[in-house]
Amino acid sequence: MRHELFVYYRVRSSHAQALAAAVADMHRTLRAAHPGLDARLLRRADEPGGETTWMETYALPAGADPAALRTAIEAAARALAPWLAGERHVEHFVPCAW
């Protein structure tokens, strides 16, 4: 079963460039440590103003332990704290079995 993690948080617009670079570095490190990990960074398209909502998505490779990978992601994400406007929220999804 394929597991996916979705992590969302708010970012001040003035921190957007620095955060994007930090997340890109974090994703490179995580991909190197977890071959087959699909990691992406998105931001909400229609938010005006001083803050925006950002989302990291992680599609775990077959056989990966979701709890262990979540722990690795959260440990790596501690470095992002200076650029966040609030807390990171993590959601864990699996495909529907219809």
C-alpha atoms as a PDB file:
ATOM      1  CA  MET A   1       0.000   0.000   0.000  1.00  0.00           C
ATOM      2  CA  ARG A   2       1.331   3.419  -0.911  1.00  0.00           C
ATOM      3  CA  HIS A   3       1.474   5.906   1.965  1.00  0.00           C
ATOM      4  CA  GLU A   4       1.556   9.660   1.496  1.00  0.00           C
ATOM      5  CA  LEU A   5       2.304  12.414   3.971  1.00  0.00           C
ATOM      6  CA  PHE A   6       1.025  15.968   3.580  1.00  0.00           C
ATOM      7  CA  VAL A   7       2.575  18.712   5.690  1.00  0.00           C
ATOM      8  CA  TYR A   8       1.139  22.223   5.638  1.00  0.00           C
ATOM      9  CA  TYR A   9       2.080  25.463   7.344  1.00  0.00           C
ATOM     10  CA  ARG A  10       2.030  29.244   7.011  1.00  0.00           C
ATOM     11  CA  VAL A  11       4.982  31.321   5.813  1.00  0.00           C
ATOM     12  CA  ARG A  12       5.494  35.080   5.849  1.00  0.00           C
ATOM     13  CA  SER A  13       5.926  36.346   2.295  1.00  0.00           C
ATOM     14  CA  SER A  14       9.220  37.983   3.231  1.00  0.00           C
ATOM     15  CA  HIS A  15      10.606  34.529   4.141  1.00  0.00           C
ATOM     16  CA  ALA A  16       9.402  32.685   1.044  1.00  0.00           C
ATOM     17  CA  GLN A  17      12.688  32.566  -0.866  1.00  0.00           C
ATOM     18  CA  ALA A  18      14.764  31.458   2.110  1.00  0.00           C
ATOM     19  CA  LEU A  19      12.225  28.803   3.087  1.00  0.00           C
ATOM     20  CA  ALA A  20      12.010  27.427  -0.467  1.00  0.00           C
ATOM     21  CA  ALA A  21      15.804  27.039  -0.577  1.00  0.00           C
ATOM     22  CA  ALA A  22      15.863  25.360   2.850  1.00  0.00           C
ATOM     23  CA  VAL A  23      13.086  22.922   1.885  1.00  0.00           C
ATOM     24  CA  ALA A  24      14.877  22.082  -1.400  1.00  0.00           C
ATOM     25  CA  ASP A  25      18.010  21.222   0.598  1.00  0.00           C
ATOM     26  CA  MET A  26      15.950  19.181   3.062  1.00  0.00           C
ATOM     27  CA  HIS A  27      14.269  17.264   0.221  1.00  0.00           C
ATOM     28  CA  ARG A  28      17.629  16.462  -1.413  1.00  0.00           C
ATOM     29  CA  THR A  29      18.911  15.082   1.882  1.00  0.00           C
ATOM     30  CA  LEU A  30      15.754  13.041   2.509  1.00  0.00           C
ATOM     31  CA  ARG A  31      15.744  11.609  -1.042  1.00  0.00           C
ATOM     32  CA  ALA A  32      19.386  10.566  -0.673  1.00  0.00           C
ATOM     33  CA  ALA A  33      18.636   8.822   2.626  1.00  0.00           C
ATOM     34  CA  HIS A  34      15.367   7.243   1.400  1.00  0.00           C
ATOM     35  CA  PRO A  35      15.690   6.114  -2.246  1.00  0.00           C
ATOM     36  CA  GLY A  36      12.383   6.213  -4.081  1.00  0.00           C
ATOM     37  CA  LEU A  37      10.916   8.979  -1.910  1.00  0.00           C
ATOM     38  CA  ASP A  38       8.891  11.466  -3.960  1.00  0.00           C
ATOM     39  CA  ALA A  39       8.990  14.847  -2.191  1.00  0.00           C
ATOM     40  CA  ARG A  40       7.396  18.068  -3.478  1.00  0.00           C
ATOM     41  CA  LEU A  41       6.843  21.619  -2.249  1.00  0.00           C
ATOM     42  CA  LEU A  42       3.648  23.525  -3.101  1.00  0.00           C
ATOM     43  CA  ARG A  43       2.106  26.822  -2.058  1.00  0.00           C
ATOM     44  CA  ARG A  44      -1.505  27.957  -2.153  1.00  0.00           C
ATOM     45  CA  ALA A  45      -2.043  29.862  -5.392  1.00  0.00           C
ATOM     46  CA  ASP A  46      -4.718  32.353  -4.424  1.00  0.00           C
ATOM     47  CA  GLU A  47      -3.558  33.926  -1.162  1.00  0.00           C
ATOM     48  CA  PRO A  48      -2.882  37.649  -1.165  1.00  0.00           C
ATOM     49  CA  GLY A  49      -1.197  39.389   1.725  1.00  0.00           C
ATOM     50  CA  GLY A  50       1.707  38.878   4.043  1.00  0.00           C
ATOM     51  CA  GLU A  51       1.407  35.119   4.617  1.00  0.00           C
ATOM     52  CA  THR A  52       0.814  32.086   2.418  1.00  0.00           C
ATOM     53  CA  THR A  53       0.043  28.429   3.043  1.00  0.00           C
ATOM     54  CA  TRP A  54       2.696  25.979   1.902  1.00  0.00           C
ATOM     55  CA  MET A  55       2.544  22.199   1.616  1.00  0.00           C
ATOM     56  CA  GLU A  56       5.167  19.514   1.428  1.00  0.00           C
ATOM     57  CA  THR A  57       4.029  16.192  -0.020  1.00  0.00           C
ATOM     58  CA  TYR A  58       5.811  12.898   0.419  1.00  0.00           C
ATOM     59  CA  ALA A  59       4.922   9.715  -1.477  1.00  0.00           C
ATOM     60  CA  LEU A  60       6.702   6.898   0.269  1.00  0.00           C
ATOM     61  CA  PRO A  61       8.410   4.117  -1.678  1.00  0.00           C
ATOM     62  CA  ALA A  62       6.986   0.609  -1.435  1.00  0.00           C
ATOM     63  CA  GLY A  63       7.948  -1.079   1.794  1.00  0.00           C
ATOM     64  CA  ALA A  64       8.873   2.150   3.586  1.00  0.00           C
ATOM     65  CA  ASP A  65       7.931   2.486   7.242  1.00  0.00           C
ATOM     66  CA  PRO A  66       5.629   5.543   7.419  1.00  0.00           C
ATOM     67  CA  ALA A  67       6.336   6.176  11.103  1.00  0.00           C
ATOM     68  CA  ALA A  68      10.115   6.074  10.627  1.00  0.00           C
ATOM     69  CA  LEU A  69       9.981   8.323   7.593  1.00  0.00           C
ATOM     70  CA  ARG A  70       7.698  10.773   9.352  1.00  0.00           C
ATOM     71  CA  THR A  71      10.197  10.927  12.210  1.00  0.00           C
ATOM     72  CA  ALA A  72      13.031  11.596   9.735  1.00  0.00           C
ATOM     73  CA  ILE A  73      11.032  14.325   7.987  1.00  0.00           C
ATOM     74  CA  GLU A  74      10.123  16.044  11.244  1.00  0.00           C
ATOM     75  CA  ALA A  75      13.720  15.910  12.475  1.00  0.00           C
ATOM     76  CA  ALA A  76      14.966  17.452   9.225  1.00  0.00           C
ATOM     77  CA  ALA A  77      12.221  20.093   9.316  1.00  0.00           C
ATOM     78  CA  ARG A  78      13.405  21.544  12.625  1.00  0.00           C
ATOM     79  CA  ALA A  79      15.800  23.644  10.547  1.00  0.00           C
ATOM     80  CA  LEU A  80      12.810  25.386   8.923  1.00  0.00           C
ATOM     81  CA  ALA A  81      11.512  26.893  12.181  1.00  0.00           C
ATOM     82  CA  PRO A  82      12.971  30.407  11.677  1.00  0.00           C
ATOM     83  CA  TRP A  83      10.847  30.948   8.545  1.00  0.00           C
ATOM     84  CA  LEU A  84       7.512  29.513   9.702  1.00  0.00           C
ATOM     85  CA  ALA A  85       4.529  31.562  10.856  1.00  0.00           C
ATOM     86  CA  GLY A  86       3.081  28.920  13.169  1.00  0.00           C
ATOM     87  CA  GLU A  87       3.208  25.155  13.439  1.00  0.00           C
ATOM     88  CA  ARG A  88       3.632  22.430  10.823  1.00  0.00           C
ATOM     89  CA  HIS A  89       0.630  20.105  10.502  1.00  0.00           C
ATOM     90  CA  VAL A  90       1.161  16.532   9.277  1.00  0.00           C
ATOM     91  CA  GLU A  91      -1.536  14.347   7.693  1.00  0.00           C
ATOM     92  CA  HIS A  92      -1.042  10.686   6.674  1.00  0.00           C
ATOM     93  CA  PHE A  93      -3.131   9.292   3.788  1.00  0.00           C
ATOM     94  CA  VAL A  94      -3.449   5.913   2.051  1.00  0.00           C
ATOM     95  CA  PRO A  95      -5.307   5.004  -1.163  1.00  0.00           C
ATOM     96  CA  CYS A  96      -8.986   4.154  -0.952  1.00  0.00           C
ATOM     97  CA  ALA A  97      -9.631   0.441  -1.406  1.00  0.00           C
ATOM     98  CA  TRP A  98     -12.821   0.512  -3.473  1.00  0.00           C
END
